[in-house]
Amino acid sequence: MSSKKICSKCRARVEPNWSVSGDEQMCKEAVEWIMIQMFSYGREKEDLVVDVQNKFGVQMKFECPKCKATISS
């Protein structure tokens, strides 16, 4: 389940870090749901962005672990 991306800022090929932002309780539920989707069903985290927004009303973000720039999914 490796989905490396090229960072547009530092040009490094990285596995982006992901996070969710929004309502604290909904973020907790979203993270739990994301983990289940990834590890139980083998879904890629990039494929969950729209589902997370629609189901929990929170934003899923990806960032470069080297320079902390936002990486689009």
N, C-alpha and C. Protein backbone atom coordinates (compact mmCIF):
# COMPACT_ATOMS: atom_id res chain seq x y z
N MET A 1 0.83 -1.19 0.00
CA MET A 1 0.00 0.00 0.00
C MET A 1 0.88 1.26 0.00
N SER A 2 1.82 1.31 -0.92
CA SER A 2 2.68 2.48 -1.01
C SER A 2 2.16 3.41 -2.09
N SER A 3 1.88 4.63 -1.73
CA SER A 3 1.38 5.60 -2.71
C SER A 3 2.23 6.86 -2.62
N LYS A 4 3.45 6.75 -3.11
CA LYS A 4 4.38 7.88 -3.04
C LYS A 4 3.96 8.96 -4.01
N LYS A 5 4.19 10.19 -3.60
CA LYS A 5 3.87 11.37 -4.40
C LYS A 5 5.13 12.23 -4.50
N ILE A 6 5.15 13.08 -5.52
CA ILE A 6 6.23 14.05 -5.66
C ILE A 6 5.75 15.36 -5.03
N CYS A 7 6.49 15.87 -4.06
CA CYS A 7 6.14 17.13 -3.42
C CYS A 7 6.41 18.27 -4.40
N SER A 8 5.42 19.14 -4.60
CA SER A 8 5.59 20.24 -5.55
C SER A 8 6.53 21.32 -5.03
N LYS A 9 6.77 21.34 -3.72
CA LYS A 9 7.65 22.36 -3.14
C LYS A 9 9.11 21.90 -3.12
N CYS A 10 9.39 20.77 -2.48
CA CYS A 10 10.79 20.33 -2.34
C CYS A 10 11.18 19.26 -3.36
N ARG A 11 10.22 18.78 -4.16
CA ARG A 11 10.43 17.79 -5.23
C ARG A 11 10.85 16.41 -4.72
N ALA A 12 10.71 16.17 -3.44
CA ALA A 12 11.05 14.85 -2.89
C ALA A 12 9.94 13.86 -3.22
N ARG A 13 10.30 12.60 -3.39
CA ARG A 13 9.32 11.53 -3.60
C ARG A 13 9.03 10.97 -2.21
N VAL A 14 7.82 11.20 -1.72
CA VAL A 14 7.49 10.88 -0.33
C VAL A 14 6.17 10.14 -0.20
N GLU A 15 6.02 9.47 0.92
CA GLU A 15 4.74 8.91 1.35
C GLU A 15 4.12 10.00 2.21
N PRO A 16 3.07 10.70 1.72
CA PRO A 16 2.54 11.84 2.47
C PRO A 16 1.96 11.45 3.83
N ASN A 17 2.15 12.33 4.81
CA ASN A 17 1.47 12.19 6.09
C ASN A 17 0.04 12.66 5.87
N TRP A 18 -0.91 12.07 6.60
CA TRP A 18 -2.29 12.52 6.45
C TRP A 18 -2.85 12.92 7.79
N SER A 19 -3.86 13.80 7.74
CA SER A 19 -4.53 14.24 8.95
C SER A 19 -5.95 14.65 8.58
N VAL A 20 -6.78 14.83 9.58
CA VAL A 20 -8.12 15.35 9.36
C VAL A 20 -8.31 16.59 10.22
N SER A 21 -9.10 17.52 9.72
CA SER A 21 -9.35 18.74 10.49
C SER A 21 -10.83 19.09 10.41
N GLY A 22 -11.32 19.66 11.50
CA GLY A 22 -12.73 20.02 11.62
C GLY A 22 -13.19 19.76 13.04
N ASP A 23 -14.47 19.42 13.19
CA ASP A 23 -15.05 19.12 14.50
C ASP A 23 -14.27 17.99 15.18
N GLU A 24 -13.87 18.22 16.44
CA GLU A 24 -13.00 17.26 17.14
C GLU A 24 -13.60 15.86 17.22
N GLN A 25 -14.87 15.74 17.60
CA GLN A 25 -15.50 14.42 17.72
C GLN A 25 -15.62 13.74 16.36
N MET A 26 -15.99 14.51 15.34
CA MET A 26 -16.11 13.93 14.01
C MET A 26 -14.74 13.51 13.48
N CYS A 27 -13.70 14.25 13.83
CA CYS A 27 -12.34 13.87 13.42
C CYS A 27 -11.95 12.53 14.02
N LYS A 28 -12.27 12.33 15.30
CA LYS A 28 -11.95 11.06 15.97
C LYS A 28 -12.66 9.91 15.26
N GLU A 29 -13.95 10.10 14.96
CA GLU A 29 -14.71 9.07 14.28
C GLU A 29 -14.17 8.83 12.87
N ALA A 30 -13.80 9.91 12.19
CA ALA A 30 -13.27 9.79 10.83
C ALA A 30 -11.95 9.01 10.82
N VAL A 31 -11.05 9.30 11.76
CA VAL A 31 -9.76 8.60 11.82
C VAL A 31 -9.99 7.11 12.05
N GLU A 32 -10.89 6.77 12.95
CA GLU A 32 -11.19 5.36 13.22
C GLU A 32 -11.72 4.68 11.95
N TRP A 33 -12.65 5.36 11.25
CA TRP A 33 -13.24 4.82 10.03
C TRP A 33 -12.17 4.67 8.94
N ILE A 34 -11.29 5.67 8.80
CA ILE A 34 -10.22 5.62 7.79
C ILE A 34 -9.32 4.42 8.05
N MET A 35 -8.93 4.21 9.30
CA MET A 35 -8.05 3.09 9.64
C MET A 35 -8.71 1.75 9.28
N ILE A 36 -10.00 1.63 9.58
CA ILE A 36 -10.73 0.40 9.25
C ILE A 36 -10.75 0.20 7.73
N GLN A 37 -11.04 1.27 6.99
CA GLN A 37 -11.09 1.17 5.53
C GLN A 37 -9.74 0.76 4.95
N MET A 38 -8.67 1.32 5.49
CA MET A 38 -7.33 1.04 4.96
C MET A 38 -6.86 -0.37 5.32
N PHE A 39 -7.03 -0.76 6.58
CA PHE A 39 -6.44 -2.02 7.02
C PHE A 39 -7.38 -3.22 6.90
N SER A 40 -8.69 -3.01 6.99
CA SER A 40 -9.61 -4.13 6.85
C SER A 40 -10.04 -4.35 5.40
N TYR A 41 -10.16 -3.26 4.64
CA TYR A 41 -10.67 -3.36 3.28
C TYR A 41 -9.62 -3.05 2.22
N GLY A 42 -8.42 -2.65 2.62
CA GLY A 42 -7.34 -2.41 1.67
C GLY A 42 -7.51 -1.19 0.79
N ARG A 43 -8.33 -0.24 1.22
CA ARG A 43 -8.54 0.97 0.42
C ARG A 43 -7.36 1.93 0.61
N GLU A 44 -7.05 2.67 -0.43
CA GLU A 44 -5.99 3.69 -0.37
C GLU A 44 -6.53 4.94 0.30
N LYS A 45 -5.71 5.58 1.12
CA LYS A 45 -6.17 6.77 1.85
C LYS A 45 -6.58 7.89 0.91
N GLU A 46 -5.92 8.02 -0.24
CA GLU A 46 -6.29 9.06 -1.20
C GLU A 46 -7.70 8.86 -1.75
N ASP A 47 -8.17 7.62 -1.78
CA ASP A 47 -9.51 7.33 -2.29
C ASP A 47 -10.60 7.63 -1.26
N LEU A 48 -10.22 7.95 -0.04
CA LEU A 48 -11.19 8.16 1.04
C LEU A 48 -11.55 9.63 1.26
N VAL A 49 -10.86 10.56 0.58
CA VAL A 49 -11.03 12.00 0.84
C VAL A 49 -12.49 12.43 0.70
N VAL A 50 -13.14 12.08 -0.40
CA VAL A 50 -14.52 12.50 -0.64
C VAL A 50 -15.46 11.81 0.35
N ASP A 51 -15.24 10.52 0.60
CA ASP A 51 -16.08 9.80 1.56
C ASP A 51 -16.00 10.42 2.95
N VAL A 52 -14.79 10.81 3.37
CA VAL A 52 -14.60 11.42 4.69
C VAL A 52 -15.35 12.75 4.76
N GLN A 53 -15.24 13.55 3.70
CA GLN A 53 -15.94 14.84 3.65
C GLN A 53 -17.45 14.64 3.73
N ASN A 54 -17.98 13.71 2.94
CA ASN A 54 -19.43 13.48 2.89
C ASN A 54 -19.97 12.82 4.15
N LYS A 55 -19.24 11.86 4.69
CA LYS A 55 -19.73 11.08 5.83
C LYS A 55 -19.55 11.81 7.17
N PHE A 56 -18.43 12.54 7.33
CA PHE A 56 -18.12 13.15 8.62
C PHE A 56 -18.07 14.67 8.60
N GLY A 57 -18.05 15.28 7.42
CA GLY A 57 -17.99 16.73 7.32
C GLY A 57 -16.66 17.32 7.75
N VAL A 58 -15.58 16.54 7.65
CA VAL A 58 -14.25 17.03 8.00
C VAL A 58 -13.34 16.90 6.78
N GLN A 59 -12.26 17.67 6.79
CA GLN A 59 -11.31 17.68 5.67
C GLN A 59 -10.15 16.73 5.94
N MET A 60 -9.80 15.96 4.93
CA MET A 60 -8.64 15.08 5.01
C MET A 60 -7.52 15.76 4.23
N LYS A 61 -6.35 15.91 4.87
CA LYS A 61 -5.23 16.62 4.25
C LYS A 61 -3.99 15.73 4.20
N PHE A 62 -3.16 16.00 3.21
CA PHE A 62 -1.90 15.29 3.06
C PHE A 62 -0.77 16.31 3.04
N GLU A 63 0.34 15.98 3.72
CA GLU A 63 1.48 16.90 3.70
C GLU A 63 2.79 16.15 3.56
N CYS A 64 3.77 16.85 3.01
CA CYS A 64 5.11 16.30 2.81
C CYS A 64 5.78 16.15 4.18
N PRO A 65 6.30 14.96 4.49
CA PRO A 65 6.97 14.77 5.78
C PRO A 65 8.31 15.52 5.86
N LYS A 66 8.85 15.94 4.72
CA LYS A 66 10.14 16.64 4.72
C LYS A 66 9.98 18.14 4.90
N CYS A 67 9.13 18.77 4.07
CA CYS A 67 9.04 20.24 4.12
C CYS A 67 7.70 20.74 4.65
N LYS A 68 6.77 19.84 4.95
CA LYS A 68 5.45 20.16 5.52
C LYS A 68 4.51 20.88 4.56
N ALA A 69 4.83 20.90 3.27
CA ALA A 69 3.94 21.51 2.28
C ALA A 69 2.73 20.60 2.06
N THR A 70 1.59 21.20 1.74
CA THR A 70 0.38 20.43 1.45
C THR A 70 0.54 19.75 0.10
N ILE A 71 0.15 18.48 0.04
CA ILE A 71 0.21 17.70 -1.19
C ILE A 71 -1.22 17.37 -1.58
N SER A 72 -1.59 17.68 -2.82
CA SER A 72 -2.95 17.38 -3.25
C SER A 72 -3.07 15.88 -3.49
N SER A 73 -4.26 15.35 -3.20
CA SER A 73 -4.46 13.90 -3.29
C SER A 73 -4.68 13.45 -4.71
